[in-house]
Every structure is written in structure tokens, then in C-alpha cells.
Amino acid sequence: MSDSPPREPRSSVILYARIVHNDRAAEARVRNLSATGACIDNPGKLQQGDRLSVTMGSLEDLPGEVMWTSATLAGLHFTDGAIDLAEARKPRERATSGAKASAGWIRNIQDAYGRRND
């Protein structure tokens, strides 16, 4: 018998989180989620014991600790306690890079019926 506490139930999810570690930010896919932790795609060279910050859904800057890693995955524990799973699942804007489209029809992508008066 193990003396460790029972694990929180996990839900398989398709979410993206912003991970900040050592002043570097990366987007990472969240594979499963519980109130006390998550399994993410390892966005870099995370190691067991690393401290980081997680933003997902409407939850921002959640402090976390890497509990385990593999070549492609990392297990996180939210160090401030349980999170609200409904808030974590809310859509959030992901950072995009590159120039904003401004040529041809793509410039009106947000308003397909609008006319631009140049």
C-alpha cells in the first residue's frame, strides 16, 4: 500500500496553455487536467523540480512545479492549491506572431460584407 494521497480525477482535454519558465514563454498543449495539476506537451527542456507559471482559460499566472518529465511530456502540480476547472477550460486568445494581413480579401476577414473606403 502506498502512503501517497489519492490522485484527483483527470479529464482528457484539448487546451493550450501559456507556460512561462526562466523568463521564456511558450504555448503548450494540455493533454489532461485535474484540479491540482496537468499533463502538458513538454515545450522545451523542463526538468523535475522546475518552477513555472501557467495561463490557461481565464486563469492567469498559476504557479506550478514540474513533478515529472519524459522526452515529450511534463506533469505539473499547481502549487497554490486546486483550480476551477470550468475557468481553465474557457477559451483564451493565443499569442500570434507575424505581420497582420492587409492585402486583398483577407483584410476584410472579420467583416465579410464590409467595404473598405480607400
N, C-alpha and C. Protein backbone atom coordinates (compact mmCIF):
# COMPACT_ATOMS: atom_id res chain seq x y z
N MET A 1 0.83 -1.18 0.00
CA MET A 1 0.00 0.00 0.00
C MET A 1 0.87 1.24 0.00
N SER A 2 0.46 2.21 -0.76
CA SER A 2 1.17 3.48 -0.85
C SER A 2 0.60 4.46 0.17
N ASP A 3 1.49 5.27 0.75
CA ASP A 3 1.05 6.30 1.70
C ASP A 3 0.70 7.60 1.01
N SER A 4 0.87 7.69 -0.32
CA SER A 4 0.58 8.94 -1.02
C SER A 4 -0.93 9.15 -1.10
N PRO A 5 -1.35 10.43 -1.09
CA PRO A 5 -2.79 10.71 -1.15
C PRO A 5 -3.36 10.30 -2.51
N PRO A 6 -4.66 10.03 -2.57
CA PRO A 6 -5.26 9.65 -3.85
C PRO A 6 -5.17 10.80 -4.85
N ARG A 7 -5.01 10.45 -6.12
CA ARG A 7 -4.93 11.45 -7.17
C ARG A 7 -6.30 12.00 -7.50
N GLU A 8 -6.31 13.28 -7.86
CA GLU A 8 -7.54 13.92 -8.33
C GLU A 8 -7.95 13.27 -9.65
N PRO A 9 -9.25 13.15 -9.92
CA PRO A 9 -9.67 12.63 -11.23
C PRO A 9 -9.17 13.54 -12.35
N ARG A 10 -8.73 12.92 -13.44
CA ARG A 10 -8.23 13.67 -14.59
C ARG A 10 -9.21 13.60 -15.74
N SER A 11 -9.25 14.69 -16.50
CA SER A 11 -10.09 14.75 -17.69
C SER A 11 -9.19 14.95 -18.90
N SER A 12 -9.41 14.16 -19.94
CA SER A 12 -8.70 14.40 -21.19
C SER A 12 -9.25 15.67 -21.81
N VAL A 13 -8.37 16.55 -22.24
CA VAL A 13 -8.78 17.84 -22.79
C VAL A 13 -7.94 18.17 -24.02
N ILE A 14 -8.42 19.10 -24.79
CA ILE A 14 -7.64 19.69 -25.87
C ILE A 14 -7.64 21.19 -25.60
N LEU A 15 -6.65 21.61 -24.84
CA LEU A 15 -6.49 23.01 -24.46
C LEU A 15 -5.06 23.43 -24.75
N TYR A 16 -4.84 24.72 -24.82
CA TYR A 16 -3.48 25.24 -24.91
C TYR A 16 -3.25 26.16 -23.73
N ALA A 17 -2.06 26.09 -23.20
CA ALA A 17 -1.68 26.93 -22.06
C ALA A 17 -0.41 27.68 -22.41
N ARG A 18 -0.27 28.83 -21.80
CA ARG A 18 0.96 29.60 -21.93
C ARG A 18 1.81 29.26 -20.72
N ILE A 19 3.01 28.76 -20.98
CA ILE A 19 3.93 28.35 -19.93
C ILE A 19 5.08 29.35 -19.89
N VAL A 20 5.36 29.91 -18.72
CA VAL A 20 6.49 30.81 -18.56
C VAL A 20 7.47 30.15 -17.60
N HIS A 21 8.70 29.94 -18.11
CA HIS A 21 9.75 29.28 -17.34
C HIS A 21 11.06 29.99 -17.63
N ASN A 22 11.74 30.43 -16.60
CA ASN A 22 13.02 31.14 -16.76
C ASN A 22 12.88 32.33 -17.71
N ASP A 23 11.83 33.11 -17.53
CA ASP A 23 11.58 34.32 -18.33
C ASP A 23 11.35 34.04 -19.81
N ARG A 24 11.04 32.81 -20.17
CA ARG A 24 10.71 32.46 -21.56
C ARG A 24 9.30 31.89 -21.58
N ALA A 25 8.52 32.32 -22.57
CA ALA A 25 7.13 31.88 -22.68
C ALA A 25 6.99 30.96 -23.89
N ALA A 26 6.11 29.96 -23.75
CA ALA A 26 5.83 29.04 -24.85
C ALA A 26 4.38 28.57 -24.72
N GLU A 27 3.77 28.27 -25.85
CA GLU A 27 2.44 27.66 -25.87
C GLU A 27 2.62 26.15 -25.79
N ALA A 28 1.83 25.50 -24.97
CA ALA A 28 1.92 24.04 -24.83
C ALA A 28 0.53 23.44 -24.81
N ARG A 29 0.37 22.30 -25.44
CA ARG A 29 -0.90 21.60 -25.42
C ARG A 29 -1.09 20.91 -24.08
N VAL A 30 -2.26 21.07 -23.50
CA VAL A 30 -2.62 20.40 -22.26
C VAL A 30 -3.30 19.09 -22.65
N ARG A 31 -2.75 17.98 -22.21
CA ARG A 31 -3.28 16.65 -22.57
C ARG A 31 -4.36 16.20 -21.59
N ASN A 32 -4.12 16.39 -20.30
CA ASN A 32 -5.16 16.10 -19.32
C ASN A 32 -5.04 17.09 -18.18
N LEU A 33 -6.14 17.23 -17.46
CA LEU A 33 -6.25 18.29 -16.47
C LEU A 33 -7.01 17.78 -15.26
N SER A 34 -6.52 18.17 -14.09
CA SER A 34 -7.25 17.93 -12.85
C SER A 34 -7.24 19.23 -12.06
N ALA A 35 -7.91 19.25 -10.93
CA ALA A 35 -7.96 20.46 -10.12
C ALA A 35 -6.60 20.82 -9.54
N THR A 36 -5.70 19.85 -9.46
CA THR A 36 -4.40 20.11 -8.82
C THR A 36 -3.21 20.00 -9.76
N GLY A 37 -3.43 19.66 -11.04
CA GLY A 37 -2.31 19.53 -11.94
C GLY A 37 -2.72 19.28 -13.37
N ALA A 38 -1.71 19.13 -14.23
CA ALA A 38 -1.95 18.92 -15.65
C ALA A 38 -0.79 18.15 -16.26
N CYS A 39 -1.07 17.48 -17.36
CA CYS A 39 -0.05 16.87 -18.19
C CYS A 39 0.00 17.69 -19.47
N ILE A 40 1.19 18.20 -19.81
CA ILE A 40 1.34 19.05 -20.98
C ILE A 40 2.40 18.48 -21.91
N ASP A 41 2.36 18.91 -23.17
CA ASP A 41 3.47 18.65 -24.07
C ASP A 41 4.65 19.45 -23.52
N ASN A 42 5.79 18.82 -23.43
CA ASN A 42 6.98 19.49 -22.90
C ASN A 42 7.49 20.48 -23.93
N PRO A 43 7.31 21.80 -23.69
CA PRO A 43 7.65 22.80 -24.69
C PRO A 43 9.14 23.08 -24.80
N GLY A 44 9.93 22.47 -24.00
CA GLY A 44 11.37 22.74 -24.03
C GLY A 44 12.10 21.73 -23.20
N LYS A 45 12.94 22.23 -22.37
CA LYS A 45 13.76 21.35 -21.55
C LYS A 45 13.33 21.43 -20.08
N LEU A 46 12.05 21.24 -19.84
CA LEU A 46 11.56 21.23 -18.47
C LEU A 46 12.14 20.02 -17.73
N GLN A 47 12.48 20.23 -16.46
CA GLN A 47 13.01 19.16 -15.64
C GLN A 47 12.24 19.09 -14.33
N GLN A 48 12.25 17.91 -13.75
CA GLN A 48 11.57 17.73 -12.47
C GLN A 48 12.09 18.75 -11.47
N GLY A 49 11.15 19.41 -10.77
CA GLY A 49 11.50 20.41 -9.77
C GLY A 49 11.48 21.84 -10.29
N ASP A 50 11.42 22.03 -11.61
CA ASP A 50 11.35 23.39 -12.16
C ASP A 50 10.08 24.08 -11.69
N ARG A 51 10.18 25.37 -11.42
CA ARG A 51 9.03 26.20 -11.07
C ARG A 51 8.65 27.01 -12.31
N LEU A 52 7.34 27.17 -12.53
CA LEU A 52 6.88 27.88 -13.71
C LEU A 52 5.55 28.53 -13.44
N SER A 53 5.08 29.26 -14.43
CA SER A 53 3.79 29.94 -14.36
C SER A 53 2.94 29.46 -15.54
N VAL A 54 1.66 29.21 -15.28
CA VAL A 54 0.75 28.67 -16.30
C VAL A 54 -0.44 29.61 -16.46
N THR A 55 -0.80 29.91 -17.72
CA THR A 55 -2.01 30.65 -18.02
C THR A 55 -2.85 29.80 -18.94
N MET A 56 -4.07 29.49 -18.53
CA MET A 56 -4.99 28.74 -19.38
C MET A 56 -6.41 29.16 -19.06
N GLY A 57 -7.23 29.23 -20.11
CA GLY A 57 -8.58 29.71 -19.92
C GLY A 57 -8.55 31.12 -19.36
N SER A 58 -9.36 31.38 -18.35
CA SER A 58 -9.36 32.70 -17.73
C SER A 58 -8.45 32.76 -16.50
N LEU A 59 -7.72 31.68 -16.25
CA LEU A 59 -6.79 31.63 -15.11
C LEU A 59 -5.42 32.09 -15.58
N GLU A 60 -4.86 33.08 -14.90
CA GLU A 60 -3.58 33.65 -15.30
C GLU A 60 -2.52 33.47 -14.23
N ASP A 61 -1.32 33.20 -14.68
CA ASP A 61 -0.13 33.14 -13.82
C ASP A 61 -0.30 32.18 -12.63
N LEU A 62 -0.78 30.98 -12.93
CA LEU A 62 -0.88 29.95 -11.89
C LEU A 62 0.52 29.43 -11.59
N PRO A 63 0.97 29.50 -10.35
CA PRO A 63 2.29 28.94 -10.05
C PRO A 63 2.22 27.41 -10.07
N GLY A 64 3.26 26.81 -10.65
CA GLY A 64 3.28 25.36 -10.73
C GLY A 64 4.69 24.82 -10.58
N GLU A 65 4.75 23.51 -10.39
CA GLU A 65 6.03 22.81 -10.27
C GLU A 65 5.98 21.58 -11.16
N VAL A 66 7.09 21.32 -11.85
CA VAL A 66 7.18 20.13 -12.69
C VAL A 66 7.45 18.94 -11.78
N MET A 67 6.55 17.96 -11.82
CA MET A 67 6.67 16.77 -10.96
C MET A 67 7.39 15.62 -11.66
N TRP A 68 7.24 15.55 -12.99
CA TRP A 68 7.92 14.50 -13.77
C TRP A 68 8.02 14.96 -15.22
N THR A 69 8.92 14.38 -15.96
CA THR A 69 9.06 14.68 -17.38
C THR A 69 9.40 13.41 -18.15
N SER A 70 9.09 13.46 -19.43
CA SER A 70 9.56 12.46 -20.38
C SER A 70 10.10 13.25 -21.56
N ALA A 71 10.48 12.59 -22.63
CA ALA A 71 11.03 13.29 -23.79
C ALA A 71 10.02 14.26 -24.39
N THR A 72 8.72 13.96 -24.26
CA THR A 72 7.71 14.79 -24.93
C THR A 72 6.65 15.36 -23.99
N LEU A 73 6.58 14.91 -22.74
CA LEU A 73 5.53 15.34 -21.83
C LEU A 73 6.10 15.84 -20.50
N ALA A 74 5.29 16.59 -19.76
CA ALA A 74 5.66 17.03 -18.42
C ALA A 74 4.41 17.03 -17.54
N GLY A 75 4.55 16.58 -16.32
CA GLY A 75 3.47 16.59 -15.35
C GLY A 75 3.63 17.76 -14.40
N LEU A 76 2.59 18.59 -14.30
CA LEU A 76 2.63 19.79 -13.46
C LEU A 76 1.73 19.65 -12.25
N HIS A 77 2.14 20.27 -11.16
CA HIS A 77 1.33 20.39 -9.95
C HIS A 77 1.12 21.87 -9.70
N PHE A 78 -0.15 22.29 -9.53
CA PHE A 78 -0.44 23.68 -9.22
C PHE A 78 -0.18 23.90 -7.74
N THR A 79 0.80 24.74 -7.44
CA THR A 79 1.28 24.85 -6.06
C THR A 79 0.42 25.72 -5.16
N ASP A 80 -0.49 26.51 -5.73
CA ASP A 80 -1.38 27.33 -4.89
C ASP A 80 -2.68 26.62 -4.54
N GLY A 81 -2.77 25.34 -4.82
CA GLY A 81 -3.98 24.59 -4.50
C GLY A 81 -4.85 24.34 -5.71
N ALA A 82 -6.06 23.85 -5.45
CA ALA A 82 -6.97 23.44 -6.52
C ALA A 82 -7.43 24.64 -7.36
N ILE A 83 -7.62 24.38 -8.65
CA ILE A 83 -8.09 25.42 -9.57
C ILE A 83 -9.54 25.14 -9.96
N ASP A 84 -10.19 26.13 -10.52
CA ASP A 84 -11.55 25.99 -11.04
C ASP A 84 -11.45 25.44 -12.46
N LEU A 85 -11.85 24.19 -12.66
CA LEU A 85 -11.71 23.54 -13.96
C LEU A 85 -12.53 24.23 -15.04
N ALA A 86 -13.70 24.74 -14.70
CA ALA A 86 -14.53 25.44 -15.69
C ALA A 86 -13.82 26.69 -16.20
N GLU A 87 -13.15 27.41 -15.31
CA GLU A 87 -12.41 28.61 -15.72
C GLU A 87 -11.20 28.24 -16.56
N ALA A 88 -10.57 27.14 -16.25
CA ALA A 88 -9.40 26.70 -17.01
C ALA A 88 -9.78 26.28 -18.43
N ARG A 89 -11.00 25.82 -18.62
CA ARG A 89 -11.44 25.35 -19.94
C ARG A 89 -11.99 26.47 -20.83
N LYS A 90 -12.16 27.67 -20.29
CA LYS A 90 -12.69 28.77 -21.10
C LYS A 90 -11.71 29.11 -22.21
N PRO A 91 -12.23 29.54 -23.38
CA PRO A 91 -11.33 29.93 -24.46
C PRO A 91 -10.50 31.14 -24.07
N ARG A 92 -9.31 31.19 -24.56
CA ARG A 92 -8.45 32.35 -24.35
C ARG A 92 -7.74 32.66 -25.65
N GLU A 93 -7.40 33.93 -25.81
CA GLU A 93 -6.67 34.33 -27.02
C GLU A 93 -5.26 33.82 -26.91
N ARG A 94 -4.80 33.19 -27.98
CA ARG A 94 -3.42 32.73 -28.03
C ARG A 94 -2.59 33.78 -28.74
N ALA A 95 -1.37 33.92 -28.31
CA ALA A 95 -0.47 34.87 -28.94
C ALA A 95 -0.17 34.40 -30.36
N THR A 96 -0.16 35.35 -31.27
CA THR A 96 0.20 35.04 -32.65
C THR A 96 1.41 35.86 -33.02
N SER A 97 2.15 35.37 -33.95
CA SER A 97 3.31 36.13 -34.41
C SER A 97 3.16 36.40 -35.89
N GLY A 98 3.93 37.33 -36.36
CA GLY A 98 3.89 37.65 -37.78
C GLY A 98 3.11 38.92 -38.03
N ALA A 99 3.17 39.36 -39.27
CA ALA A 99 2.51 40.60 -39.67
C ALA A 99 1.01 40.39 -39.83
N LYS A 100 0.27 41.44 -39.58
CA LYS A 100 -1.17 41.41 -39.77
C LYS A 100 -1.48 41.48 -41.26
N ALA A 101 -2.36 40.62 -41.73
CA ALA A 101 -2.72 40.60 -43.15
C ALA A 101 -3.44 41.89 -43.51
N SER A 102 -3.05 42.47 -44.66
CA SER A 102 -3.69 43.71 -45.06
C SER A 102 -3.96 43.78 -46.56
N ALA A 103 -3.66 42.73 -47.30
CA ALA A 103 -3.82 42.77 -48.75
C ALA A 103 -5.00 41.92 -49.19
N GLY A 104 -5.61 42.32 -50.32
CA GLY A 104 -6.68 41.52 -50.92
C GLY A 104 -7.86 41.31 -50.00
N TRP A 105 -8.56 40.22 -50.20
CA TRP A 105 -9.77 39.94 -49.44
C TRP A 105 -9.51 39.66 -47.98
N ILE A 106 -8.30 39.22 -47.64
CA ILE A 106 -8.00 38.82 -46.27
C ILE A 106 -8.13 39.99 -45.29
N ARG A 107 -7.95 41.23 -45.76
CA ARG A 107 -8.04 42.37 -44.85
C ARG A 107 -9.45 42.54 -44.29
N ASN A 108 -10.46 41.99 -44.98
CA ASN A 108 -11.84 42.10 -44.52
C ASN A 108 -12.35 40.80 -43.90
N ILE A 109 -11.45 39.96 -43.46
CA ILE A 109 -11.84 38.64 -42.95
C ILE A 109 -12.80 38.75 -41.76
N GLN A 110 -12.68 39.79 -40.95
CA GLN A 110 -13.56 39.96 -39.80
C GLN A 110 -14.94 40.47 -40.20
N ASP A 111 -15.06 41.08 -41.36
CA ASP A 111 -16.34 41.61 -41.83
C ASP A 111 -16.48 41.28 -43.31
N ALA A 112 -17.01 40.12 -43.61
CA ALA A 112 -17.05 39.63 -44.98
C ALA A 112 -17.90 40.51 -45.90
N TYR A 113 -18.83 41.30 -45.35
CA TYR A 113 -19.69 42.14 -46.16
C TYR A 113 -19.30 43.61 -46.15
N GLY A 114 -18.26 43.92 -45.40
CA GLY A 114 -17.84 45.31 -45.30
C GLY A 114 -17.05 45.75 -46.52
N ARG A 115 -17.12 47.02 -46.80
CA ARG A 115 -16.33 47.62 -47.88
C ARG A 115 -15.34 48.58 -47.28
N ARG A 116 -14.17 48.57 -47.85
CA ARG A 116 -13.14 49.45 -47.38
C ARG A 116 -13.09 50.69 -48.28
N ASN A 117 -13.18 51.85 -47.70
CA ASN A 117 -13.15 53.09 -48.47
C ASN A 117 -11.72 53.61 -48.47
N ASP A 118 -10.98 53.29 -49.52
CA ASP A 118 -9.58 53.74 -49.62
C ASP A 118 -9.51 55.06 -50.32
